[in-house]
């Protein structure tokens, strides 16, 4: 035997069994870990899809609320316009029914001009 060479001792039965057992445990763990990783990835995809669905629902709800708010604003504007028409008609009716006997000439003239203005507007709206 050369002094530079070291001889390796052959593996004993017990050590070989232990080595095989460790390898077998590792071989058993890899599929389990792979399966767990697949499950984690599936769960992550499912959660991502749920998040996207939730965001889609929130956006749809927000659009619906905006549409409703817009309709309510239009209705409010329509109501205000109607109220203005009623108020204007009330004022016009008051002018048309005004008793001018106790008024001075300038007040009478003002009422007469407003009276004519109202009549002209009505005639243009409802021609005979």
C-alpha atoms as a PDB file:
ATOM      1  CA  UNK A   1       0.000   0.000   0.000  1.00  0.00           C
ATOM      2  CA  UNK A   2       1.163   3.477  -0.800  1.00  0.00           C
ATOM      3  CA  UNK A   3       1.397   5.909   2.014  1.00  0.00           C
ATOM      4  CA  UNK A   4      -0.369   8.675  -0.073  1.00  0.00           C
ATOM      5  CA  UNK A   5      -3.387   6.500  -0.646  1.00  0.00           C
ATOM      6  CA  UNK A   6      -6.084   6.189   1.939  1.00  0.00           C
ATOM      7  CA  UNK A   7      -8.442   3.318   1.779  1.00  0.00           C
ATOM      8  CA  UNK A   8     -12.103   3.857   2.224  1.00  0.00           C
ATOM      9  CA  UNK A   9     -13.847   1.472   4.373  1.00  0.00           C
ATOM     10  CA  UNK A  10     -16.919  -0.139   2.815  1.00  0.00           C
ATOM     11  CA  UNK A  11     -20.295   0.997   4.129  1.00  0.00           C
ATOM     12  CA  UNK A  12     -21.710  -1.285   6.726  1.00  0.00           C
ATOM     13  CA  UNK A  13     -25.176  -2.776   6.543  1.00  0.00           C
ATOM     14  CA  UNK A  14     -26.559  -0.526   9.250  1.00  0.00           C
ATOM     15  CA  UNK A  15     -25.142   2.636   7.674  1.00  0.00           C
ATOM     16  CA  UNK A  16     -26.363   1.598   4.248  1.00  0.00           C
ATOM     17  CA  UNK A  17     -29.876   1.004   5.617  1.00  0.00           C
ATOM     18  CA  UNK A  18     -29.795   4.417   7.315  1.00  0.00           C
ATOM     19  CA  UNK A  19     -28.648   6.069   4.077  1.00  0.00           C
ATOM     20  CA  UNK A  20     -31.433   4.359   2.090  1.00  0.00           C
ATOM     21  CA  UNK A  21     -33.977   5.341   4.749  1.00  0.00           C
ATOM     22  CA  UNK A  22     -32.905   9.006   4.546  1.00  0.00           C
ATOM     23  CA  UNK A  23     -33.054   8.916   0.741  1.00  0.00           C
ATOM     24  CA  UNK A  24     -36.483   7.259   0.864  1.00  0.00           C
ATOM     25  CA  UNK A  25     -37.707   9.977   3.284  1.00  0.00           C
ATOM     26  CA  UNK A  26     -36.422  12.659   0.910  1.00  0.00           C
ATOM     27  CA  UNK A  27     -38.063  10.888  -2.040  1.00  0.00           C
ATOM     28  CA  UNK A  28     -41.335  10.759  -0.092  1.00  0.00           C
ATOM     29  CA  UNK A  29     -41.136  14.443   0.912  1.00  0.00           C
ATOM     30  CA  UNK A  30     -40.622  15.808  -2.629  1.00  0.00           C
ATOM     31  CA  UNK A  31     -44.068  14.734  -3.961  1.00  0.00           C
ATOM     32  CA  UNK A  32     -45.743  15.961  -0.771  1.00  0.00           C
ATOM     33  CA  UNK A  33     -44.041  19.345  -0.988  1.00  0.00           C
ATOM     34  CA  UNK A  34     -44.791  19.533  -4.717  1.00  0.00           C
ATOM     35  CA  UNK A  35     -48.447  18.758  -4.030  1.00  0.00           C
ATOM     36  CA  UNK A  36     -48.578  21.392  -1.270  1.00  0.00           C
ATOM     37  CA  UNK A  37     -46.964  23.935  -3.573  1.00  0.00           C
ATOM     38  CA  UNK A  38     -49.581  23.165  -6.252  1.00  0.00           C
ATOM     39  CA  UNK A  39     -52.352  23.648  -3.677  1.00  0.00           C
ATOM     40  CA  UNK A  40     -50.843  26.951  -2.551  1.00  0.00           C
ATOM     41  CA  UNK A  41     -50.628  28.151  -6.165  1.00  0.00           C
ATOM     42  CA  UNK A  42     -54.256  27.092  -6.819  1.00  0.00           C
ATOM     43  CA  UNK A  43     -55.382  28.921  -3.681  1.00  0.00           C
ATOM     44  CA  UNK A  44     -53.420  32.002  -4.719  1.00  0.00           C
ATOM     45  CA  UNK A  45     -55.072  31.958  -8.180  1.00  0.00           C
ATOM     46  CA  UNK A  46     -58.514  31.467  -6.599  1.00  0.00           C
ATOM     47  CA  UNK A  47     -57.936  34.395  -4.225  1.00  0.00           C
ATOM     48  CA  UNK A  48     -56.718  36.543  -7.130  1.00  0.00           C
ATOM     49  CA  UNK A  49     -59.851  35.671  -9.124  1.00  0.00           C
ATOM     50  CA  UNK A  50     -62.057  36.439  -6.107  1.00  0.00           C
ATOM     51  CA  UNK A  51     -60.307  39.780  -5.668  1.00  0.00           C
ATOM     52  CA  UNK A  52     -60.850  40.610  -9.351  1.00  0.00           C
ATOM     53  CA  UNK A  53     -64.507  39.590  -9.093  1.00  0.00           C
ATOM     54  CA  UNK A  54     -64.940  41.707  -5.963  1.00  0.00           C
ATOM     55  CA  UNK A  55     -63.358  44.699  -7.691  1.00  0.00           C
ATOM     56  CA  UNK A  56     -65.620  44.181 -10.717  1.00  0.00           C
ATOM     57  CA  UNK A  57     -68.682  44.087  -8.456  1.00  0.00           C
ATOM     58  CA  UNK A  58     -67.554  47.232  -6.606  1.00  0.00           C
ATOM     59  CA  UNK A  59     -67.030  49.041  -9.916  1.00  0.00           C
ATOM     60  CA  UNK A  60     -70.473  47.978 -11.158  1.00  0.00           C
ATOM     61  CA  UNK A  61     -72.056  49.154  -7.902  1.00  0.00           C
ATOM     62  CA  UNK A  62     -70.204  52.467  -8.129  1.00  0.00           C
ATOM     63  CA  UNK A  63     -71.378  52.952 -11.734  1.00  0.00           C
ATOM     64  CA  UNK A  64     -74.951  52.185 -10.683  1.00  0.00           C
ATOM     65  CA  UNK A  65     -74.740  54.678  -7.812  1.00  0.00           C
ATOM     66  CA  UNK A  66     -73.354  57.317 -10.168  1.00  0.00           C
ATOM     67  CA  UNK A  67     -76.163  56.613 -12.653  1.00  0.00           C
ATOM     68  CA  UNK A  68     -78.770  56.919  -9.893  1.00  0.00           C
ATOM     69  CA  UNK A  69     -77.163  60.132  -8.599  1.00  0.00           C
ATOM     70  CA  UNK A  70     -77.191  61.538 -12.125  1.00  0.00           C
ATOM     71  CA  UNK A  71     -80.873  60.673 -12.545  1.00  0.00           C
ATOM     72  CA  UNK A  72     -81.639  62.250  -9.178  1.00  0.00           C
ATOM     73  CA  UNK A  73     -79.783  65.430 -10.188  1.00  0.00           C
ATOM     74  CA  UNK A  74     -81.759  65.590 -13.451  1.00  0.00           C
ATOM     75  CA  UNK A  75     -85.009  65.073 -11.538  1.00  0.00           C
ATOM     76  CA  UNK A  76     -84.042  67.765  -9.040  1.00  0.00           C
ATOM     77  CA  UNK A  77     -83.279  70.183 -11.881  1.00  0.00           C
ATOM     78  CA  UNK A  78     -86.616  69.325 -13.514  1.00  0.00           C
ATOM     79  CA  UNK A  79     -88.437  69.947 -10.226  1.00  0.00           C
ATOM     80  CA  UNK A  80     -86.658  73.279  -9.729  1.00  0.00           C
ATOM     81  CA  UNK A  81     -87.529  74.346 -13.266  1.00  0.00           C
ATOM     82  CA  UNK A  82     -91.154  73.380 -12.676  1.00  0.00           C
ATOM     83  CA  UNK A  83     -91.156  75.299  -9.397  1.00  0.00           C
ATOM     84  CA  UNK A  84     -89.719  78.351 -11.183  1.00  0.00           C
ATOM     85  CA  UNK A  85     -92.469  78.135 -13.812  1.00  0.00           C
ATOM     86  CA  UNK A  86     -95.132  77.953 -11.113  1.00  0.00           C
ATOM     87  CA  UNK A  87     -93.598  80.925  -9.275  1.00  0.00           C
ATOM     88  CA  UNK A  88     -93.352  82.927 -12.475  1.00  0.00           C
ATOM     89  CA  UNK A  89     -96.960  82.152 -13.349  1.00  0.00           C
ATOM     90  CA  UNK A  90     -98.046  83.151  -9.856  1.00  0.00           C
ATOM     91  CA  UNK A  91     -96.236  86.495 -10.194  1.00  0.00           C
ATOM     92  CA  UNK A  92     -97.718  87.013 -13.672  1.00  0.00           C
ATOM     93  CA  UNK A  93    -101.192  86.195 -12.370  1.00  0.00           C
ATOM     94  CA  UNK A  94    -100.761  88.717  -9.567  1.00  0.00           C
ATOM     95  CA  UNK A  95     -99.743  91.393 -12.083  1.00  0.00           C
ATOM     96  CA  UNK A  96    -102.659  90.544 -14.367  1.00  0.00           C
ATOM     97  CA  UNK A  97    -105.143  90.866 -11.475  1.00  0.00           C
ATOM     98  CA  UNK A  98    -103.612  93.974  -9.937  1.00  0.00           C
ATOM     99  CA  UNK A  99    -106.018  96.777  -9.107  1.00  0.00           C
ATOM    100  CA  UNK A 100    -104.421  99.963 -10.434  1.00  0.00           C
ATOM    101  CA  UNK A 101    -107.101 102.432  -9.261  1.00  0.00           C
ATOM    102  CA  UNK A 102    -105.095 103.572  -6.244  1.00  0.00           C
ATOM    103  CA  UNK A 103    -101.715 103.704  -8.008  1.00  0.00           C
ATOM    104  CA  UNK A 104     -99.885 106.754  -9.216  1.00  0.00           C
ATOM    105  CA  UNK A 105     -99.399 107.136 -13.023  1.00  0.00           C
ATOM    106  CA  UNK A 106     -95.877 105.607 -13.048  1.00  0.00           C
ATOM    107  CA  UNK A 107     -97.014 102.508 -11.169  1.00  0.00           C
ATOM    108  CA  UNK A 108     -99.999 102.160 -13.467  1.00  0.00           C
ATOM    109  CA  UNK A 109     -97.714 102.437 -16.492  1.00  0.00           C
ATOM    110  CA  UNK A 110     -95.359  99.801 -15.097  1.00  0.00           C
ATOM    111  CA  UNK A 111     -98.230  97.381 -14.434  1.00  0.00           C
ATOM    112  CA  UNK A 112     -99.722  98.096 -17.884  1.00  0.00           C
ATOM    113  CA  UNK A 113     -96.359  97.377 -19.592  1.00  0.00           C
ATOM    114  CA  UNK A 114     -95.886  94.164 -17.609  1.00  0.00           C
ATOM    115  CA  UNK A 115     -99.462  93.243 -18.444  1.00  0.00           C
ATOM    116  CA  UNK A 116     -98.784  93.710 -22.160  1.00  0.00           C
ATOM    117  CA  UNK A 117     -95.490  91.822 -21.891  1.00  0.00           C
ATOM    118  CA  UNK A 118     -97.244  88.847 -20.278  1.00  0.00           C
ATOM    119  CA  UNK A 119    -100.004  88.894 -22.884  1.00  0.00           C
ATOM    120  CA  UNK A 120     -97.475  89.026 -25.731  1.00  0.00           C
ATOM    121  CA  UNK A 121     -95.533  86.090 -24.277  1.00  0.00           C
ATOM    122  CA  UNK A 122     -98.712  84.052 -23.906  1.00  0.00           C
ATOM    123  CA  UNK A 123     -99.889  84.899 -27.410  1.00  0.00           C
ATOM    124  CA  UNK A 124     -96.575  83.797 -28.871  1.00  0.00           C
ATOM    125  CA  UNK A 125     -96.785  80.527 -26.928  1.00  0.00           C
ATOM    126  CA  UNK A 126    -100.385  79.823 -27.831  1.00  0.00           C
ATOM    127  CA  UNK A 127    -101.212  81.425 -31.170  1.00  0.00           C
ATOM    128  CA  UNK A 128    -104.904  81.428 -32.089  1.00  0.00           C
END
